[in-house]
Structure formats: C-alpha cells, structure tokens
C-alpha cells in the first residue's frame, strides 16, 4: 500500500491544526465569545463538507440520511462533541499557553490516548502491544512538551 498520500495528508492536517487555534482565537476575540466562535467554525466546516460531499456525488436523500442516523449507536455522536471540545479548547487556551505549548500538549494527549486505544484494540483500531519503542517515543514527547513549556 502506498503510504505517501496518507503521510502527506497527516502532515497537512498537523499544519492545519497548528494554524486553526490562532485563527479561531482571533475570531473569538473579535466577536467576544469563544462559544459563538466555535459555533461559527463548525458551521463553516459543515458547509465546506456539504459542498465536498455534493461535489463527490455522495450526497444522499434526506430519508437515507435520517435512516442512517437512526441506525447508529448512541455513543457514536460523542465524536462531534469531542470536536467541539478541541476547537473551543484551542480557541480559549492556545493564546494563553502559546501555539507551541498548546500543540505539544495536544499531541501528547493524542499519543497517550492512541497507545491505549491500540493496546486494547478499541474503536476499530487494530490491537497492538505497548512496545519499548512506543514508551521511549512517549517519554521523548513528554520531555518535549516539558521543554516547550519551560522555554
């Protein structure tokens, strides 16, 4: 399997995640509400995804969408809530911590959670043991986050 495209998109996503807190925090300051700024961010993202879905020919009928929604387990909707927490957290706290510190801590939280998700093979991730290499990498990330906060 060619990994170039996923690697490029992962890097671009990291680039976007580094820029997004700054953009959203400026929006929050300009309109004086982090909650409204997060809502606007999600609204724009929803419109963008709707346009992309339509352009790709994947737009389904309303009845299909409603039926699909009804068939999902209740906990599947937590994903949208988690996204709202991430956007609002970045909007409120990235300016206080600084872009580098917020991203370092964000990345550390992602890696710790990812290691645990893979250890137990939950949420569709393949089960992978916690290796010494992963622990060393995690230790280096912890050191990195600490150094970034200190500097």
N, C-alpha and C. Protein backbone atom coordinates (compact mmCIF):
# COMPACT_ATOMS: atom_id res chain seq x y z
N UNK A 1 0.85 -1.19 0.00
CA UNK A 1 0.00 0.00 0.00
C UNK A 1 0.89 1.24 0.00
N UNK A 2 0.57 2.16 -0.84
CA UNK A 2 1.33 3.41 -0.93
C UNK A 2 0.94 4.31 0.24
N UNK A 3 1.92 4.66 1.05
CA UNK A 3 1.66 5.47 2.23
C UNK A 3 1.91 6.95 2.00
N UNK A 4 2.37 7.32 0.81
CA UNK A 4 2.71 8.72 0.57
C UNK A 4 1.52 9.64 0.77
N UNK A 5 0.37 9.31 0.19
CA UNK A 5 -0.80 10.16 0.31
C UNK A 5 -1.27 10.30 1.77
N UNK A 6 -1.40 9.20 2.53
CA UNK A 6 -1.78 9.36 3.94
C UNK A 6 -0.76 10.16 4.74
N UNK A 7 0.52 9.99 4.46
CA UNK A 7 1.56 10.75 5.17
C UNK A 7 1.43 12.23 4.85
N UNK A 8 1.22 12.55 3.58
CA UNK A 8 1.07 13.96 3.18
C UNK A 8 -0.16 14.57 3.87
N UNK A 9 -1.27 13.85 3.86
CA UNK A 9 -2.49 14.38 4.50
C UNK A 9 -2.33 14.49 6.01
N UNK A 10 -1.61 13.56 6.64
CA UNK A 10 -1.36 13.66 8.08
C UNK A 10 -0.53 14.91 8.37
N UNK A 11 0.49 15.16 7.57
CA UNK A 11 1.32 16.35 7.76
C UNK A 11 0.52 17.63 7.51
N UNK A 12 -0.30 17.64 6.46
CA UNK A 12 -1.14 18.81 6.19
C UNK A 12 -2.16 19.02 7.30
N UNK A 13 -2.68 17.93 7.86
CA UNK A 13 -3.62 18.06 8.98
C UNK A 13 -2.92 18.66 10.18
N UNK A 14 -1.68 18.26 10.42
CA UNK A 14 -0.91 18.85 11.51
C UNK A 14 -0.67 20.33 11.27
N UNK A 15 -0.38 20.68 10.04
CA UNK A 15 -0.20 22.09 9.67
C UNK A 15 -1.49 22.85 9.95
N UNK A 16 -2.61 22.29 9.51
CA UNK A 16 -3.91 22.95 9.72
C UNK A 16 -4.22 23.08 11.21
N UNK A 17 -3.92 22.03 11.98
CA UNK A 17 -4.21 22.07 13.41
C UNK A 17 -3.35 23.10 14.12
N UNK A 18 -2.18 23.39 13.59
CA UNK A 18 -1.32 24.41 14.19
C UNK A 18 -1.82 25.82 13.90
N UNK A 19 -2.44 26.00 12.76
CA UNK A 19 -2.94 27.31 12.35
C UNK A 19 -4.34 27.58 12.92
N UNK A 20 -5.16 26.55 13.00
CA UNK A 20 -6.56 26.72 13.39
C UNK A 20 -6.76 27.40 14.75
N UNK A 21 -6.00 27.05 15.80
CA UNK A 21 -6.24 27.73 17.09
C UNK A 21 -6.03 29.24 17.01
N UNK A 22 -5.03 29.67 16.27
CA UNK A 22 -4.79 31.11 16.14
C UNK A 22 -5.93 31.81 15.41
N UNK A 23 -6.35 31.21 14.31
CA UNK A 23 -7.45 31.80 13.55
C UNK A 23 -8.71 31.86 14.40
N UNK A 24 -9.03 30.74 15.06
CA UNK A 24 -10.25 30.70 15.86
C UNK A 24 -10.17 31.62 17.07
N UNK A 25 -8.99 31.74 17.68
CA UNK A 25 -8.90 32.62 18.85
C UNK A 25 -9.06 34.08 18.46
N UNK A 26 -8.55 34.45 17.29
CA UNK A 26 -8.77 35.82 16.81
C UNK A 26 -10.26 36.05 16.56
N UNK A 27 -10.92 35.07 15.97
CA UNK A 27 -12.37 35.17 15.77
C UNK A 27 -13.07 35.33 17.11
N UNK A 28 -12.68 34.51 18.09
CA UNK A 28 -13.29 34.59 19.42
C UNK A 28 -13.10 35.95 20.06
N UNK A 29 -11.91 36.53 19.93
CA UNK A 29 -11.66 37.87 20.48
C UNK A 29 -12.47 38.92 19.73
N UNK A 30 -12.53 38.79 18.42
CA UNK A 30 -13.24 39.78 17.61
C UNK A 30 -14.73 39.80 17.90
N UNK A 31 -15.32 38.65 18.17
CA UNK A 31 -16.76 38.63 18.44
C UNK A 31 -17.05 38.47 19.93
N UNK A 32 -15.98 38.39 20.74
CA UNK A 32 -16.07 38.36 22.20
C UNK A 32 -16.85 37.17 22.75
N UNK A 33 -16.77 36.04 22.09
CA UNK A 33 -17.44 34.84 22.58
C UNK A 33 -16.75 33.60 22.02
N UNK A 34 -16.08 32.83 22.88
CA UNK A 34 -15.47 31.60 22.38
C UNK A 34 -16.50 30.59 21.90
N UNK A 35 -17.66 30.60 22.52
CA UNK A 35 -18.70 29.64 22.14
C UNK A 35 -19.27 29.96 20.77
N UNK A 36 -19.52 31.25 20.52
CA UNK A 36 -20.03 31.64 19.21
C UNK A 36 -18.95 31.41 18.14
N UNK A 37 -17.70 31.70 18.48
CA UNK A 37 -16.61 31.46 17.53
C UNK A 37 -16.50 29.98 17.17
N UNK A 38 -16.63 29.11 18.17
CA UNK A 38 -16.61 27.66 17.91
C UNK A 38 -17.79 27.25 17.04
N UNK A 39 -18.96 27.82 17.31
CA UNK A 39 -20.14 27.52 16.52
C UNK A 39 -19.94 27.95 15.07
N UNK A 40 -19.39 29.13 14.88
CA UNK A 40 -19.12 29.62 13.52
C UNK A 40 -18.12 28.71 12.82
N UNK A 41 -17.07 28.30 13.53
CA UNK A 41 -16.06 27.41 12.95
C UNK A 41 -16.70 26.10 12.49
N UNK A 42 -17.53 25.51 13.34
CA UNK A 42 -18.21 24.27 12.97
C UNK A 42 -19.20 24.49 11.83
N UNK A 43 -19.88 25.62 11.83
CA UNK A 43 -20.84 25.92 10.75
C UNK A 43 -20.11 26.00 9.41
N UNK A 44 -19.00 26.73 9.38
CA UNK A 44 -18.23 26.86 8.13
C UNK A 44 -17.71 25.49 7.71
N UNK A 45 -17.22 24.70 8.68
CA UNK A 45 -16.75 23.35 8.36
C UNK A 45 -17.86 22.47 7.83
N UNK A 46 -19.04 22.59 8.40
CA UNK A 46 -20.19 21.80 7.94
C UNK A 46 -20.57 22.17 6.51
N UNK A 47 -20.59 23.46 6.22
CA UNK A 47 -20.90 23.91 4.85
C UNK A 47 -19.84 23.38 3.88
N UNK A 48 -18.56 23.51 4.27
CA UNK A 48 -17.48 23.03 3.40
C UNK A 48 -17.61 21.53 3.14
N UNK A 49 -17.89 20.76 4.17
CA UNK A 49 -18.05 19.31 3.99
C UNK A 49 -19.28 18.99 3.14
N UNK A 50 -20.34 19.76 3.31
CA UNK A 50 -21.53 19.56 2.48
C UNK A 50 -21.22 19.78 1.01
N UNK A 51 -20.47 20.83 0.71
CA UNK A 51 -20.09 21.12 -0.67
C UNK A 51 -19.20 20.01 -1.23
N UNK A 52 -18.24 19.57 -0.44
CA UNK A 52 -17.34 18.49 -0.90
C UNK A 52 -18.13 17.20 -1.12
N UNK A 53 -19.02 16.87 -0.18
CA UNK A 53 -19.84 15.67 -0.32
C UNK A 53 -20.70 15.73 -1.57
N UNK A 54 -21.28 16.89 -1.82
CA UNK A 54 -22.09 17.08 -3.03
C UNK A 54 -21.23 16.95 -4.29
N UNK A 55 -20.07 17.61 -4.28
CA UNK A 55 -19.18 17.59 -5.45
C UNK A 55 -18.69 16.18 -5.77
N UNK A 56 -18.50 15.36 -4.74
CA UNK A 56 -18.05 13.98 -4.95
C UNK A 56 -19.20 13.04 -5.32
N UNK A 57 -20.41 13.58 -5.37
CA UNK A 57 -21.56 12.76 -5.74
C UNK A 57 -22.01 11.82 -4.63
N UNK A 58 -21.65 12.13 -3.40
CA UNK A 58 -22.00 11.25 -2.28
C UNK A 58 -23.20 11.75 -1.48
N UNK A 59 -23.82 12.83 -1.94
CA UNK A 59 -24.98 13.37 -1.23
C UNK A 59 -26.14 12.38 -1.40
N UNK A 60 -26.71 11.99 -0.29
CA UNK A 60 -27.80 11.01 -0.31
C UNK A 60 -29.12 11.72 -0.02
N UNK A 61 -30.19 10.99 -0.16
CA UNK A 61 -31.50 11.56 0.12
C UNK A 61 -31.67 11.80 1.62
N UNK A 62 -32.58 12.69 1.95
CA UNK A 62 -32.85 13.00 3.36
C UNK A 62 -33.32 11.76 4.10
N UNK A 63 -34.15 10.95 3.48
CA UNK A 63 -34.64 9.74 4.16
C UNK A 63 -33.49 8.77 4.42
N UNK A 64 -32.55 8.66 3.48
CA UNK A 64 -31.38 7.79 3.68
C UNK A 64 -30.55 8.29 4.86
N UNK A 65 -30.33 9.60 4.90
CA UNK A 65 -29.53 10.20 5.99
C UNK A 65 -30.21 9.97 7.33
N UNK A 66 -31.51 10.23 7.41
CA UNK A 66 -32.24 10.05 8.67
C UNK A 66 -32.24 8.59 9.10
N UNK A 67 -32.42 7.67 8.16
CA UNK A 67 -32.40 6.24 8.49
C UNK A 67 -31.01 5.84 8.99
N UNK A 68 -29.97 6.34 8.34
CA UNK A 68 -28.60 6.04 8.76
C UNK A 68 -28.34 6.57 10.15
N UNK A 69 -28.82 7.77 10.43
CA UNK A 69 -28.65 8.36 11.77
C UNK A 69 -29.33 7.49 12.82
N UNK A 70 -30.53 7.03 12.53
CA UNK A 70 -31.27 6.21 13.49
C UNK A 70 -30.58 4.88 13.78
N UNK A 71 -29.83 4.37 12.81
CA UNK A 71 -29.20 3.06 12.95
C UNK A 71 -27.89 3.09 13.75
N UNK A 72 -27.39 4.25 14.05
CA UNK A 72 -26.11 4.36 14.75
C UNK A 72 -26.29 4.18 16.25
N UNK A 73 -25.26 3.60 16.93
CA UNK A 73 -25.34 3.52 18.39
C UNK A 73 -25.29 4.92 19.00
N UNK A 74 -25.86 5.09 20.18
CA UNK A 74 -25.97 6.40 20.82
C UNK A 74 -24.61 7.07 21.00
N UNK A 75 -23.59 6.29 21.31
CA UNK A 75 -22.29 6.86 21.65
C UNK A 75 -21.52 7.38 20.44
N UNK A 76 -21.97 7.07 19.24
CA UNK A 76 -21.27 7.50 18.03
C UNK A 76 -21.28 9.03 17.90
N UNK A 77 -22.25 9.68 18.52
CA UNK A 77 -22.40 11.13 18.42
C UNK A 77 -21.41 11.88 19.31
N UNK A 78 -20.70 11.16 20.14
CA UNK A 78 -19.69 11.78 21.00
C UNK A 78 -18.58 12.41 20.16
N UNK A 79 -18.33 11.87 18.97
CA UNK A 79 -17.28 12.41 18.10
C UNK A 79 -17.45 13.89 17.81
N UNK A 80 -18.66 14.31 17.51
CA UNK A 80 -18.92 15.73 17.26
C UNK A 80 -18.71 16.57 18.50
N UNK A 81 -19.11 16.04 19.65
CA UNK A 81 -18.90 16.73 20.92
C UNK A 81 -17.40 16.89 21.20
N UNK A 82 -16.64 15.81 20.96
CA UNK A 82 -15.19 15.88 21.17
C UNK A 82 -14.55 16.91 20.25
N UNK A 83 -15.02 16.99 19.02
CA UNK A 83 -14.52 18.01 18.10
C UNK A 83 -14.80 19.41 18.61
N UNK A 84 -15.98 19.61 19.19
CA UNK A 84 -16.32 20.91 19.76
C UNK A 84 -15.41 21.26 20.93
N UNK A 85 -15.08 20.26 21.75
CA UNK A 85 -14.17 20.50 22.86
C UNK A 85 -12.79 20.90 22.34
N UNK A 86 -12.30 20.21 21.32
CA UNK A 86 -10.98 20.51 20.76
C UNK A 86 -10.95 21.93 20.21
N UNK A 87 -11.93 22.28 19.40
CA UNK A 87 -11.95 23.61 18.79
C UNK A 87 -12.06 24.69 19.87
N UNK A 88 -12.96 24.50 20.82
CA UNK A 88 -13.13 25.52 21.86
C UNK A 88 -11.91 25.60 22.76
N UNK A 89 -11.33 24.46 23.09
CA UNK A 89 -10.11 24.46 23.90
C UNK A 89 -8.98 25.20 23.20
N UNK A 90 -8.80 24.92 21.91
CA UNK A 90 -7.73 25.59 21.18
C UNK A 90 -7.99 27.09 21.10
N UNK A 91 -9.23 27.44 20.90
CA UNK A 91 -9.63 28.84 20.78
C UNK A 91 -9.38 29.61 22.08
N UNK A 92 -9.68 28.99 23.22
CA UNK A 92 -9.57 29.66 24.51
C UNK A 92 -8.16 29.55 25.08
N UNK A 93 -7.56 28.36 25.00
CA UNK A 93 -6.32 28.13 25.74
C UNK A 93 -5.04 28.26 24.93
N UNK A 94 -5.10 28.11 23.62
CA UNK A 94 -3.86 28.27 22.83
C UNK A 94 -3.27 29.67 22.99
N UNK A 95 -4.09 30.73 23.00
CA UNK A 95 -3.49 32.05 23.21
C UNK A 95 -2.85 32.20 24.60
N UNK A 96 -3.38 31.50 25.59
CA UNK A 96 -2.83 31.59 26.94
C UNK A 96 -1.54 30.78 27.08
N UNK A 97 -1.52 29.59 26.49
CA UNK A 97 -0.35 28.72 26.57
C UNK A 97 0.70 29.05 25.52
N UNK A 98 0.27 29.59 24.40
CA UNK A 98 1.13 29.77 23.24
C UNK A 98 0.90 28.62 22.27
N UNK A 99 1.11 28.88 21.00
CA UNK A 99 0.83 27.88 19.97
C UNK A 99 1.66 26.62 20.17
N UNK A 100 2.94 26.78 20.43
CA UNK A 100 3.83 25.62 20.56
C UNK A 100 3.47 24.78 21.77
N UNK A 101 3.23 25.40 22.91
CA UNK A 101 2.87 24.64 24.11
C UNK A 101 1.54 23.93 23.94
N UNK A 102 0.56 24.64 23.38
CA UNK A 102 -0.75 24.01 23.22
C UNK A 102 -0.65 22.80 22.28
N UNK A 103 0.05 22.96 21.17
CA UNK A 103 0.19 21.85 20.22
C UNK A 103 0.98 20.71 20.84
N UNK A 104 2.04 21.01 21.59
CA UNK A 104 2.83 19.95 22.22
C UNK A 104 1.98 19.15 23.20
N UNK A 105 1.19 19.83 24.01
CA UNK A 105 0.32 19.15 24.97
C UNK A 105 -0.80 18.40 24.26
N UNK A 106 -1.35 19.00 23.21
CA UNK A 106 -2.39 18.37 22.39
C UNK A 106 -1.85 17.07 21.78
N UNK A 107 -0.65 17.14 21.22
CA UNK A 107 -0.02 15.98 20.62
C UNK A 107 0.26 14.90 21.67
N UNK A 108 0.74 15.30 22.82
CA UNK A 108 1.00 14.35 23.90
C UNK A 108 -0.30 13.62 24.30
N UNK A 109 -1.38 14.37 24.45
CA UNK A 109 -2.67 13.75 24.77
C UNK A 109 -3.12 12.78 23.69
N UNK A 110 -2.89 13.14 22.43
CA UNK A 110 -3.26 12.26 21.32
C UNK A 110 -2.46 10.96 21.35
N UNK A 111 -1.16 11.07 21.57
CA UNK A 111 -0.31 9.89 21.53
C UNK A 111 -0.61 8.96 22.71
N UNK A 112 -0.77 9.50 23.90
CA UNK A 112 -1.11 8.67 25.06
C UNK A 112 -2.42 7.93 24.79
N UNK A 113 -3.43 8.65 24.34
CA UNK A 113 -4.72 8.03 24.07
C UNK A 113 -4.61 6.99 22.96
N UNK A 114 -3.86 7.30 21.90
CA UNK A 114 -3.70 6.36 20.78
C UNK A 114 -3.01 5.07 21.21
N UNK A 115 -2.00 5.19 22.05
CA UNK A 115 -1.32 3.99 22.55
C UNK A 115 -2.31 3.10 23.30
N UNK A 116 -3.15 3.71 24.14
CA UNK A 116 -4.13 2.94 24.91
C UNK A 116 -5.22 2.34 24.02
N UNK A 117 -5.68 3.10 23.04
CA UNK A 117 -6.69 2.59 22.12
C UNK A 117 -6.17 1.37 21.36
N UNK A 118 -4.91 1.45 20.93
CA UNK A 118 -4.33 0.31 20.21
C UNK A 118 -4.01 -0.86 21.14
N UNK A 119 -3.63 -0.57 22.37
CA UNK A 119 -3.35 -1.65 23.32
C UNK A 119 -4.57 -2.55 23.47
N UNK A 120 -5.73 -1.93 23.60
CA UNK A 120 -6.96 -2.70 23.81
C UNK A 120 -7.73 -2.95 22.50
N UNK A 121 -7.26 -2.41 21.39
CA UNK A 121 -7.92 -2.65 20.11
C UNK A 121 -9.36 -2.17 20.08
N UNK A 122 -9.61 -0.98 20.62
CA UNK A 122 -10.98 -0.46 20.67
C UNK A 122 -11.21 0.60 19.59
N UNK A 123 -12.48 0.88 19.34
CA UNK A 123 -12.92 1.88 18.37
C UNK A 123 -12.41 1.60 16.96
N UNK A 124 -12.27 0.35 16.63
CA UNK A 124 -11.89 -0.04 15.28
C UNK A 124 -10.40 -0.04 15.01
N UNK A 125 -9.58 0.28 16.02
CA UNK A 125 -8.14 0.26 15.82
C UNK A 125 -7.62 -1.16 16.03
N UNK A 126 -6.60 -1.55 15.25
CA UNK A 126 -6.04 -2.89 15.45
C UNK A 126 -5.34 -2.96 16.80
N UNK A 127 -5.41 -4.12 17.41
CA UNK A 127 -4.75 -4.31 18.71
C UNK A 127 -3.24 -4.40 18.48
N UNK A 128 -2.51 -3.54 19.20
CA UNK A 128 -1.05 -3.53 19.10
C UNK A 128 -0.49 -3.39 20.51
N UNK A 129 0.50 -4.20 20.83
CA UNK A 129 1.05 -4.13 22.18
C UNK A 129 1.83 -2.82 22.40
N UNK A 130 1.99 -2.47 23.67
CA UNK A 130 2.80 -1.31 24.02
C UNK A 130 4.26 -1.78 24.02
N UNK A 131 5.01 -1.31 23.05
CA UNK A 131 6.40 -1.73 22.90
C UNK A 131 7.34 -0.77 23.62
N UNK A 132 8.56 -1.20 23.78
CA UNK A 132 9.58 -0.35 24.39
C UNK A 132 9.82 0.89 23.51
N UNK A 133 9.73 0.71 22.19
CA UNK A 133 9.91 1.84 21.27
C UNK A 133 8.82 2.88 21.47
N UNK A 134 7.59 2.42 21.66
CA UNK A 134 6.49 3.36 21.91
C UNK A 134 6.70 4.09 23.23
N UNK A 135 7.16 3.38 24.23
CA UNK A 135 7.38 4.01 25.54
C UNK A 135 8.51 5.04 25.47
N UNK A 136 9.56 4.72 24.72
CA UNK A 136 10.65 5.69 24.54
C UNK A 136 10.14 6.92 23.79
N UNK A 137 9.38 6.68 22.74
CA UNK A 137 8.79 7.80 21.98
C UNK A 137 7.89 8.65 22.86
N UNK A 138 7.07 8.00 23.68
CA UNK A 138 6.19 8.72 24.59
C UNK A 138 7.01 9.52 25.60
N UNK A 139 8.07 8.91 26.12
CA UNK A 139 8.94 9.62 27.04
C UNK A 139 9.57 10.85 26.39
N UNK A 140 9.96 10.71 25.14
CA UNK A 140 10.54 11.85 24.42
C UNK A 140 9.49 12.94 24.19
N UNK A 141 8.25 12.54 23.94
CA UNK A 141 7.17 13.52 23.78
C UNK A 141 6.90 14.26 25.09
N UNK A 142 6.92 13.51 26.19
CA UNK A 142 6.74 14.15 27.50
C UNK A 142 7.87 15.14 27.74
N UNK A 143 9.10 14.73 27.46
CA UNK A 143 10.24 15.63 27.60
C UNK A 143 10.09 16.84 26.69
N UNK A 144 9.65 16.60 25.46
CA UNK A 144 9.45 17.70 24.51
C UNK A 144 8.41 18.68 25.01
N UNK A 145 7.29 18.19 25.48
CA UNK A 145 6.23 19.07 25.99
C UNK A 145 6.75 19.88 27.17
N UNK A 146 7.52 19.24 28.05
CA UNK A 146 8.07 19.94 29.20
C UNK A 146 9.06 21.01 28.76
N UNK A 147 9.95 20.65 27.82
CA UNK A 147 10.93 21.62 27.33
C UNK A 147 10.26 22.81 26.64
N UNK A 148 9.23 22.54 25.87
CA UNK A 148 8.50 23.60 25.19
C UNK A 148 7.85 24.53 26.21
N UNK A 149 7.26 23.96 27.24
CA UNK A 149 6.62 24.79 28.29
C UNK A 149 7.65 25.60 29.05
N UNK A 150 8.81 25.02 29.30
CA UNK A 150 9.86 25.73 30.03
C UNK A 150 10.45 26.87 29.20
N UNK A 151 10.54 26.64 27.90
CA UNK A 151 11.23 27.60 27.02
C UNK A 151 10.32 28.69 26.57
